[in-house]
Amino acid sequence: MVEMSLGRIVIREGADHQYIYLKEKGGERGFPIVIGSSEAWEIQRVVTKVETERPLTHQLTSNIIEELGATLTRVDIVDLASNTFFARLLFADSKGELCATADARPSDAIALAQRAKCPLQVSLDVLESVRTDTSGPDPLPPAEPDSDSDPQQ
């Protein structure tokens, strides 16, 4: 697992999908995740320390976790299948011992991680398959020029 941090939030007014960029802590690797608008706005609220008058879904979930005496200790992005990321929430009890895990959408998991100020990790396999940096060798071989195509097109 590789520890990551939230590098950037890109919110486009009126668009159905927004983007967050995760960046390797202490490294150069990173990648974007497409998320929904409500999750993007929640992450933006946490980052900018804006509180709402009444708890919204992620605030409510965070409050419930706390009231049950648990702590969100880590969020792991564990898989990528059919262009869909899969995340796991790890919870500890009041003694700090792992007591539960739950599957989650990465957007919800990251929103909760930002609120809980807990570590975010990505499996090395996922990171290597989606990274967008140029710090290392490209995992794909360079494209061969197509001798049948017209270079002027």
N, C-alpha and C. Protein backbone atom coordinates (compact mmCIF):
# COMPACT_ATOMS: atom_id res chain seq x y z
N MET A 1 0.84 -1.18 0.00
CA MET A 1 0.00 0.00 0.00
C MET A 1 0.89 1.24 0.00
N VAL A 2 0.42 2.27 -0.71
CA VAL A 2 1.16 3.52 -0.85
C VAL A 2 0.31 4.64 -0.25
N GLU A 3 0.89 5.41 0.67
CA GLU A 3 0.12 6.51 1.28
C GLU A 3 -0.01 7.65 0.29
N MET A 4 -1.23 8.17 0.20
CA MET A 4 -1.56 9.24 -0.74
C MET A 4 -2.16 10.41 0.03
N SER A 5 -2.23 11.54 -0.65
CA SER A 5 -2.93 12.70 -0.10
C SER A 5 -3.77 13.31 -1.20
N LEU A 6 -4.72 14.12 -0.78
CA LEU A 6 -5.55 14.83 -1.73
C LEU A 6 -4.72 15.95 -2.33
N GLY A 7 -4.49 15.89 -3.63
CA GLY A 7 -3.67 16.89 -4.28
C GLY A 7 -4.47 18.07 -4.78
N ARG A 8 -5.68 17.77 -5.28
CA ARG A 8 -6.46 18.83 -5.92
C ARG A 8 -7.91 18.40 -6.05
N ILE A 9 -8.80 19.36 -6.03
CA ILE A 9 -10.22 19.13 -6.31
C ILE A 9 -10.55 20.02 -7.50
N VAL A 10 -11.16 19.45 -8.52
CA VAL A 10 -11.58 20.23 -9.69
C VAL A 10 -13.10 20.15 -9.76
N ILE A 11 -13.74 21.30 -9.52
CA ILE A 11 -15.20 21.38 -9.56
C ILE A 11 -15.59 22.26 -10.73
N ARG A 12 -16.36 21.69 -11.63
CA ARG A 12 -16.87 22.43 -12.79
C ARG A 12 -18.36 22.66 -12.59
N GLU A 13 -18.73 23.91 -12.41
CA GLU A 13 -20.14 24.27 -12.20
C GLU A 13 -21.01 23.69 -13.31
N GLY A 14 -22.12 23.07 -12.93
CA GLY A 14 -23.07 22.54 -13.89
C GLY A 14 -22.72 21.18 -14.47
N ALA A 15 -21.54 20.67 -14.16
CA ALA A 15 -21.13 19.36 -14.67
C ALA A 15 -21.60 18.27 -13.71
N ASP A 16 -21.93 17.11 -14.26
CA ASP A 16 -22.36 15.98 -13.43
C ASP A 16 -21.21 15.33 -12.71
N HIS A 17 -20.03 15.35 -13.31
CA HIS A 17 -18.87 14.69 -12.75
C HIS A 17 -17.79 15.71 -12.42
N GLN A 18 -17.13 15.47 -11.30
CA GLN A 18 -16.04 16.31 -10.85
C GLN A 18 -14.80 15.44 -10.73
N TYR A 19 -13.66 16.03 -10.41
CA TYR A 19 -12.42 15.28 -10.33
C TYR A 19 -11.68 15.60 -9.05
N ILE A 20 -11.07 14.58 -8.48
CA ILE A 20 -10.09 14.79 -7.43
C ILE A 20 -8.80 14.12 -7.91
N TYR A 21 -7.69 14.67 -7.51
CA TYR A 21 -6.39 14.12 -7.86
C TYR A 21 -5.70 13.69 -6.57
N LEU A 22 -5.28 12.45 -6.54
CA LEU A 22 -4.53 11.94 -5.41
C LEU A 22 -3.06 11.94 -5.77
N LYS A 23 -2.22 12.29 -4.79
CA LYS A 23 -0.78 12.38 -5.01
C LYS A 23 -0.08 11.56 -3.94
N GLU A 24 0.94 10.86 -4.36
CA GLU A 24 1.74 10.05 -3.44
C GLU A 24 2.44 10.96 -2.43
N LYS A 25 2.32 10.62 -1.15
CA LYS A 25 3.03 11.38 -0.12
C LYS A 25 4.52 11.07 -0.25
N GLY A 26 5.31 12.11 -0.38
CA GLY A 26 6.75 11.94 -0.49
C GLY A 26 7.20 11.38 -1.82
N GLY A 27 6.33 11.43 -2.82
CA GLY A 27 6.68 10.90 -4.14
C GLY A 27 6.05 11.72 -5.24
N GLU A 28 6.15 11.24 -6.45
CA GLU A 28 5.66 11.99 -7.61
C GLU A 28 4.46 11.34 -8.29
N ARG A 29 4.12 10.12 -7.89
CA ARG A 29 3.01 9.44 -8.57
C ARG A 29 1.67 10.02 -8.14
N GLY A 30 0.73 10.01 -9.05
CA GLY A 30 -0.61 10.49 -8.75
C GLY A 30 -1.58 10.08 -9.82
N PHE A 31 -2.86 10.30 -9.55
CA PHE A 31 -3.90 9.95 -10.52
C PHE A 31 -5.22 10.65 -10.18
N PRO A 32 -6.08 10.82 -11.19
CA PRO A 32 -7.39 11.44 -10.95
C PRO A 32 -8.45 10.37 -10.70
N ILE A 33 -9.50 10.77 -10.00
CA ILE A 33 -10.69 9.94 -9.83
C ILE A 33 -11.89 10.82 -10.17
N VAL A 34 -12.77 10.32 -10.99
CA VAL A 34 -14.02 11.01 -11.32
C VAL A 34 -15.00 10.74 -10.19
N ILE A 35 -15.59 11.80 -9.65
CA ILE A 35 -16.55 11.65 -8.55
C ILE A 35 -17.79 12.49 -8.83
N GLY A 36 -18.81 12.29 -8.03
CA GLY A 36 -20.04 13.05 -8.16
C GLY A 36 -19.90 14.44 -7.54
N SER A 37 -20.83 15.30 -7.90
CA SER A 37 -20.78 16.68 -7.40
C SER A 37 -20.96 16.78 -5.90
N SER A 38 -21.88 16.01 -5.33
CA SER A 38 -22.11 16.14 -3.88
C SER A 38 -20.88 15.73 -3.08
N GLU A 39 -20.18 14.69 -3.53
CA GLU A 39 -18.96 14.27 -2.84
C GLU A 39 -17.86 15.31 -3.02
N ALA A 40 -17.76 15.89 -4.22
CA ALA A 40 -16.75 16.92 -4.46
C ALA A 40 -16.99 18.13 -3.57
N TRP A 41 -18.25 18.55 -3.47
CA TRP A 41 -18.55 19.70 -2.62
C TRP A 41 -18.29 19.39 -1.15
N GLU A 42 -18.57 18.16 -0.72
CA GLU A 42 -18.28 17.78 0.67
C GLU A 42 -16.78 17.84 0.94
N ILE A 43 -15.99 17.28 0.05
CA ILE A 43 -14.54 17.32 0.22
C ILE A 43 -14.06 18.77 0.24
N GLN A 44 -14.61 19.59 -0.64
CA GLN A 44 -14.25 21.02 -0.68
C GLN A 44 -14.61 21.71 0.64
N ARG A 45 -15.80 21.38 1.20
CA ARG A 45 -16.20 21.98 2.48
C ARG A 45 -15.22 21.61 3.59
N VAL A 46 -14.79 20.35 3.62
CA VAL A 46 -13.86 19.92 4.67
C VAL A 46 -12.52 20.63 4.51
N VAL A 47 -12.01 20.67 3.29
CA VAL A 47 -10.71 21.30 3.03
C VAL A 47 -10.73 22.78 3.38
N THR A 48 -11.83 23.46 3.09
CA THR A 48 -11.92 24.89 3.36
C THR A 48 -12.53 25.20 4.73
N LYS A 49 -12.81 24.16 5.51
CA LYS A 49 -13.35 24.29 6.87
C LYS A 49 -14.68 25.03 6.92
N VAL A 50 -15.54 24.74 5.96
CA VAL A 50 -16.88 25.32 5.93
C VAL A 50 -17.86 24.31 6.54
N GLU A 51 -18.57 24.73 7.56
CA GLU A 51 -19.56 23.87 8.20
C GLU A 51 -20.96 24.28 7.74
N THR A 52 -21.82 23.29 7.63
CA THR A 52 -23.21 23.56 7.27
C THR A 52 -24.03 23.69 8.55
N GLU A 53 -25.20 24.31 8.42
CA GLU A 53 -26.05 24.50 9.58
C GLU A 53 -26.50 23.17 10.19
N ARG A 54 -26.85 22.23 9.34
CA ARG A 54 -27.28 20.89 9.76
C ARG A 54 -26.35 19.87 9.11
N PRO A 55 -26.12 18.72 9.75
CA PRO A 55 -25.19 17.74 9.17
C PRO A 55 -25.70 17.15 7.86
N LEU A 56 -24.82 17.15 6.87
CA LEU A 56 -25.11 16.48 5.61
C LEU A 56 -24.64 15.03 5.74
N THR A 57 -24.82 14.23 4.70
CA THR A 57 -24.60 12.79 4.78
C THR A 57 -23.23 12.41 5.35
N HIS A 58 -22.15 13.00 4.85
CA HIS A 58 -20.81 12.62 5.32
C HIS A 58 -20.57 13.10 6.74
N GLN A 59 -21.11 14.28 7.08
CA GLN A 59 -21.00 14.76 8.46
C GLN A 59 -21.78 13.83 9.39
N LEU A 60 -22.97 13.45 8.97
CA LEU A 60 -23.80 12.55 9.77
C LEU A 60 -23.09 11.22 9.99
N THR A 61 -22.53 10.66 8.94
CA THR A 61 -21.82 9.39 9.04
C THR A 61 -20.64 9.52 9.99
N SER A 62 -19.89 10.59 9.86
CA SER A 62 -18.75 10.83 10.75
C SER A 62 -19.21 10.95 12.20
N ASN A 63 -20.30 11.67 12.43
CA ASN A 63 -20.86 11.82 13.78
C ASN A 63 -21.30 10.48 14.36
N ILE A 64 -21.93 9.63 13.54
CA ILE A 64 -22.38 8.32 14.00
C ILE A 64 -21.19 7.44 14.40
N ILE A 65 -20.16 7.44 13.58
CA ILE A 65 -18.95 6.67 13.89
C ILE A 65 -18.40 7.09 15.25
N GLU A 66 -18.31 8.40 15.46
CA GLU A 66 -17.80 8.94 16.72
C GLU A 66 -18.70 8.58 17.89
N GLU A 67 -19.99 8.72 17.72
CA GLU A 67 -20.94 8.42 18.80
C GLU A 67 -20.94 6.95 19.17
N LEU A 68 -20.60 6.08 18.24
CA LEU A 68 -20.52 4.64 18.52
C LEU A 68 -19.19 4.27 19.19
N GLY A 69 -18.33 5.25 19.38
CA GLY A 69 -17.06 5.00 20.05
C GLY A 69 -15.99 4.43 19.14
N ALA A 70 -16.19 4.54 17.85
CA ALA A 70 -15.21 4.03 16.88
C ALA A 70 -14.47 5.20 16.25
N THR A 71 -13.42 4.86 15.54
CA THR A 71 -12.62 5.84 14.82
C THR A 71 -12.33 5.30 13.43
N LEU A 72 -12.48 6.14 12.43
CA LEU A 72 -12.04 5.76 11.09
C LEU A 72 -10.53 5.93 11.09
N THR A 73 -9.81 4.80 11.01
CA THR A 73 -8.36 4.86 11.15
C THR A 73 -7.63 4.93 9.82
N ARG A 74 -8.26 4.44 8.75
CA ARG A 74 -7.59 4.46 7.46
C ARG A 74 -8.59 4.18 6.36
N VAL A 75 -8.30 4.72 5.19
CA VAL A 75 -9.07 4.44 3.98
C VAL A 75 -8.10 3.85 2.97
N ASP A 76 -8.46 2.71 2.40
CA ASP A 76 -7.64 2.05 1.39
C ASP A 76 -8.41 1.97 0.08
N ILE A 77 -7.78 2.38 -1.01
CA ILE A 77 -8.33 2.11 -2.34
C ILE A 77 -7.66 0.82 -2.77
N VAL A 78 -8.47 -0.23 -2.88
CA VAL A 78 -7.92 -1.58 -2.97
C VAL A 78 -8.02 -2.23 -4.34
N ASP A 79 -8.87 -1.70 -5.22
CA ASP A 79 -9.04 -2.39 -6.49
C ASP A 79 -9.56 -1.42 -7.54
N LEU A 80 -9.40 -1.84 -8.79
CA LEU A 80 -9.93 -1.13 -9.95
C LEU A 80 -10.41 -2.20 -10.91
N ALA A 81 -11.70 -2.18 -11.21
CA ALA A 81 -12.27 -3.15 -12.14
C ALA A 81 -13.32 -2.45 -13.00
N SER A 82 -13.26 -2.66 -14.30
CA SER A 82 -14.19 -2.04 -15.24
C SER A 82 -14.26 -0.53 -15.04
N ASN A 83 -13.10 0.10 -14.89
CA ASN A 83 -12.98 1.55 -14.70
C ASN A 83 -13.66 2.05 -13.44
N THR A 84 -13.84 1.19 -12.45
CA THR A 84 -14.44 1.57 -11.18
C THR A 84 -13.47 1.26 -10.05
N PHE A 85 -13.19 2.26 -9.22
CA PHE A 85 -12.33 2.07 -8.06
C PHE A 85 -13.15 1.50 -6.91
N PHE A 86 -12.50 0.72 -6.05
CA PHE A 86 -13.13 0.14 -4.88
C PHE A 86 -12.31 0.52 -3.66
N ALA A 87 -13.00 0.94 -2.60
CA ALA A 87 -12.31 1.38 -1.38
C ALA A 87 -12.80 0.58 -0.19
N ARG A 88 -12.00 0.65 0.87
CA ARG A 88 -12.34 -0.02 2.11
C ARG A 88 -12.07 0.94 3.26
N LEU A 89 -13.02 1.02 4.18
CA LEU A 89 -12.88 1.82 5.39
C LEU A 89 -12.43 0.90 6.51
N LEU A 90 -11.46 1.31 7.31
CA LEU A 90 -11.00 0.52 8.45
C LEU A 90 -11.29 1.29 9.73
N PHE A 91 -11.97 0.62 10.66
CA PHE A 91 -12.40 1.25 11.91
C PHE A 91 -11.71 0.61 13.10
N ALA A 92 -11.44 1.42 14.11
CA ALA A 92 -10.87 0.94 15.37
C ALA A 92 -11.84 1.25 16.49
N ASP A 93 -11.79 0.42 17.53
CA ASP A 93 -12.62 0.65 18.70
C ASP A 93 -11.92 1.65 19.63
N SER A 94 -12.51 1.88 20.79
CA SER A 94 -11.95 2.86 21.72
C SER A 94 -10.57 2.48 22.24
N LYS A 95 -10.20 1.19 22.12
CA LYS A 95 -8.87 0.74 22.54
C LYS A 95 -7.85 0.85 21.41
N GLY A 96 -8.31 1.30 20.22
CA GLY A 96 -7.42 1.44 19.08
C GLY A 96 -7.24 0.16 18.28
N GLU A 97 -8.02 -0.86 18.59
CA GLU A 97 -7.92 -2.14 17.88
C GLU A 97 -8.89 -2.18 16.71
N LEU A 98 -8.41 -2.75 15.59
CA LEU A 98 -9.27 -2.87 14.42
C LEU A 98 -10.52 -3.63 14.80
N CYS A 99 -11.69 -3.05 14.53
CA CYS A 99 -12.93 -3.69 14.93
C CYS A 99 -13.87 -3.94 13.76
N ALA A 100 -13.66 -3.25 12.65
CA ALA A 100 -14.56 -3.44 11.51
C ALA A 100 -13.95 -2.86 10.25
N THR A 101 -14.41 -3.38 9.12
CA THR A 101 -14.09 -2.81 7.82
C THR A 101 -15.39 -2.71 7.05
N ALA A 102 -15.41 -1.82 6.08
CA ALA A 102 -16.60 -1.67 5.24
C ALA A 102 -16.18 -1.26 3.84
N ASP A 103 -16.85 -1.82 2.85
CA ASP A 103 -16.61 -1.41 1.47
C ASP A 103 -17.25 -0.05 1.24
N ALA A 104 -16.65 0.75 0.36
CA ALA A 104 -17.18 2.08 0.10
C ALA A 104 -16.76 2.54 -1.29
N ARG A 105 -17.50 3.49 -1.80
CA ARG A 105 -17.05 4.17 -3.02
C ARG A 105 -15.89 5.06 -2.61
N PRO A 106 -14.85 5.17 -3.43
CA PRO A 106 -13.72 6.02 -3.07
C PRO A 106 -14.11 7.46 -2.77
N SER A 107 -15.08 8.00 -3.49
CA SER A 107 -15.46 9.39 -3.24
C SER A 107 -16.01 9.56 -1.83
N ASP A 108 -16.86 8.65 -1.37
CA ASP A 108 -17.38 8.71 -0.01
C ASP A 108 -16.27 8.45 1.00
N ALA A 109 -15.42 7.47 0.71
CA ALA A 109 -14.32 7.12 1.61
C ALA A 109 -13.36 8.29 1.78
N ILE A 110 -13.04 8.96 0.69
CA ILE A 110 -12.11 10.10 0.75
C ILE A 110 -12.76 11.26 1.49
N ALA A 111 -14.05 11.49 1.27
CA ALA A 111 -14.75 12.55 2.01
C ALA A 111 -14.70 12.27 3.51
N LEU A 112 -14.92 11.02 3.90
CA LEU A 112 -14.85 10.66 5.32
C LEU A 112 -13.42 10.75 5.85
N ALA A 113 -12.45 10.33 5.04
CA ALA A 113 -11.05 10.40 5.46
C ALA A 113 -10.62 11.83 5.70
N GLN A 114 -11.06 12.74 4.84
CA GLN A 114 -10.71 14.16 5.02
C GLN A 114 -11.31 14.68 6.32
N ARG A 115 -12.52 14.28 6.62
CA ARG A 115 -13.18 14.71 7.85
C ARG A 115 -12.50 14.11 9.08
N ALA A 116 -12.10 12.82 8.99
CA ALA A 116 -11.47 12.13 10.12
C ALA A 116 -9.97 12.40 10.22
N LYS A 117 -9.41 13.04 9.20
CA LYS A 117 -7.97 13.30 9.14
C LYS A 117 -7.17 12.01 9.31
N CYS A 118 -7.62 10.98 8.61
CA CYS A 118 -6.94 9.69 8.70
C CYS A 118 -6.17 9.41 7.40
N PRO A 119 -5.23 8.48 7.44
CA PRO A 119 -4.44 8.16 6.24
C PRO A 119 -5.28 7.58 5.11
N LEU A 120 -4.84 7.86 3.90
CA LEU A 120 -5.44 7.34 2.68
C LEU A 120 -4.35 6.57 1.95
N GLN A 121 -4.63 5.32 1.63
CA GLN A 121 -3.65 4.49 0.94
C GLN A 121 -4.26 3.89 -0.32
N VAL A 122 -3.38 3.59 -1.27
CA VAL A 122 -3.79 2.97 -2.53
C VAL A 122 -2.91 1.75 -2.73
N SER A 123 -3.52 0.66 -3.18
CA SER A 123 -2.70 -0.52 -3.44
C SER A 123 -1.72 -0.21 -4.56
N LEU A 124 -0.54 -0.79 -4.47
CA LEU A 124 0.50 -0.55 -5.47
C LEU A 124 0.03 -0.95 -6.86
N ASP A 125 -0.70 -2.04 -6.98
CA ASP A 125 -1.21 -2.48 -8.28
C ASP A 125 -2.14 -1.44 -8.90
N VAL A 126 -3.04 -0.88 -8.09
CA VAL A 126 -3.95 0.15 -8.59
C VAL A 126 -3.15 1.38 -9.00
N LEU A 127 -2.25 1.82 -8.15
CA LEU A 127 -1.46 3.02 -8.44
C LEU A 127 -0.67 2.85 -9.73
N GLU A 128 -0.03 1.73 -9.91
CA GLU A 128 0.77 1.51 -11.12
C GLU A 128 -0.09 1.45 -12.37
N SER A 129 -1.34 1.02 -12.25
CA SER A 129 -2.18 0.92 -13.44
C SER A 129 -2.85 2.23 -13.83
N VAL A 130 -2.92 3.21 -12.91
CA VAL A 130 -3.65 4.44 -13.21
C VAL A 130 -2.83 5.71 -13.11
N ARG A 131 -1.62 5.62 -12.63
CA ARG A 131 -0.85 6.84 -12.38
C ARG A 131 -0.68 7.66 -13.66
N THR A 132 -0.65 8.97 -13.48
CA THR A 132 -0.57 9.88 -14.62
C THR A 132 0.72 10.68 -14.63
N ASP A 133 1.61 10.42 -13.69
CA ASP A 133 2.87 11.15 -13.63
C ASP A 133 3.84 10.64 -14.69
N THR A 134 4.95 11.30 -14.80
CA THR A 134 5.98 10.86 -15.74
C THR A 134 7.29 10.57 -15.02
N SER A 135 7.19 10.23 -13.73
CA SER A 135 8.39 10.03 -12.93
C SER A 135 9.06 8.68 -13.15
N GLY A 136 8.38 7.78 -13.77
CA GLY A 136 8.95 6.44 -13.95
C GLY A 136 8.70 5.93 -15.34
N PRO A 137 9.11 4.70 -15.59
CA PRO A 137 8.90 4.14 -16.92
C PRO A 137 7.42 3.96 -17.20
N ASP A 138 7.05 4.21 -18.43
CA ASP A 138 5.67 4.01 -18.85
C ASP A 138 5.40 2.52 -18.86
N PRO A 139 4.32 2.05 -18.19
CA PRO A 139 4.06 0.62 -18.15
C PRO A 139 3.63 0.05 -19.51
N LEU A 140 3.29 0.92 -20.44
CA LEU A 140 2.90 0.47 -21.78
C LEU A 140 4.02 0.74 -22.76
N PRO A 141 4.24 -0.18 -23.71
CA PRO A 141 5.27 0.09 -24.71
C PRO A 141 4.83 1.24 -25.61
N PRO A 142 5.78 1.97 -26.19
CA PRO A 142 5.40 3.07 -27.09
C PRO A 142 4.64 2.52 -28.28
N ALA A 143 3.70 3.30 -28.76
CA ALA A 143 2.88 2.88 -29.91
C ALA A 143 3.76 2.82 -31.16
N GLU A 144 3.56 1.77 -31.92
CA GLU A 144 4.26 1.63 -33.19
C GLU A 144 3.55 2.46 -34.23
N PRO A 145 4.28 3.19 -35.06
CA PRO A 145 3.61 3.96 -36.12
C PRO A 145 2.91 3.00 -37.07
N ASP A 146 1.72 3.39 -37.45
CA ASP A 146 0.92 2.58 -38.37
C ASP A 146 1.35 2.93 -39.78
N SER A 147 1.94 1.97 -40.48
CA SER A 147 2.47 2.24 -41.83
C SER A 147 1.37 2.51 -42.84
N ASP A 148 0.12 2.10 -42.50
CA ASP A 148 -0.99 2.32 -43.42
C ASP A 148 -1.64 3.69 -43.24
N SER A 149 -1.31 4.38 -42.15
CA SER A 149 -1.98 5.66 -41.92
C SER A 149 -1.20 6.78 -42.55
N ASP A 150 -1.92 7.80 -42.91
CA ASP A 150 -1.34 8.99 -43.53
C ASP A 150 -0.85 9.91 -42.42
N PRO A 151 0.43 10.23 -42.35
CA PRO A 151 0.95 11.08 -41.28
C PRO A 151 0.38 12.48 -41.32
N GLN A 152 -0.25 12.89 -42.39
CA GLN A 152 -0.82 14.23 -42.51
C GLN A 152 -2.19 14.31 -41.85
N GLN A 153 -2.79 13.17 -41.51
CA GLN A 153 -4.14 13.20 -40.94
C GLN A 153 -4.11 13.55 -39.49
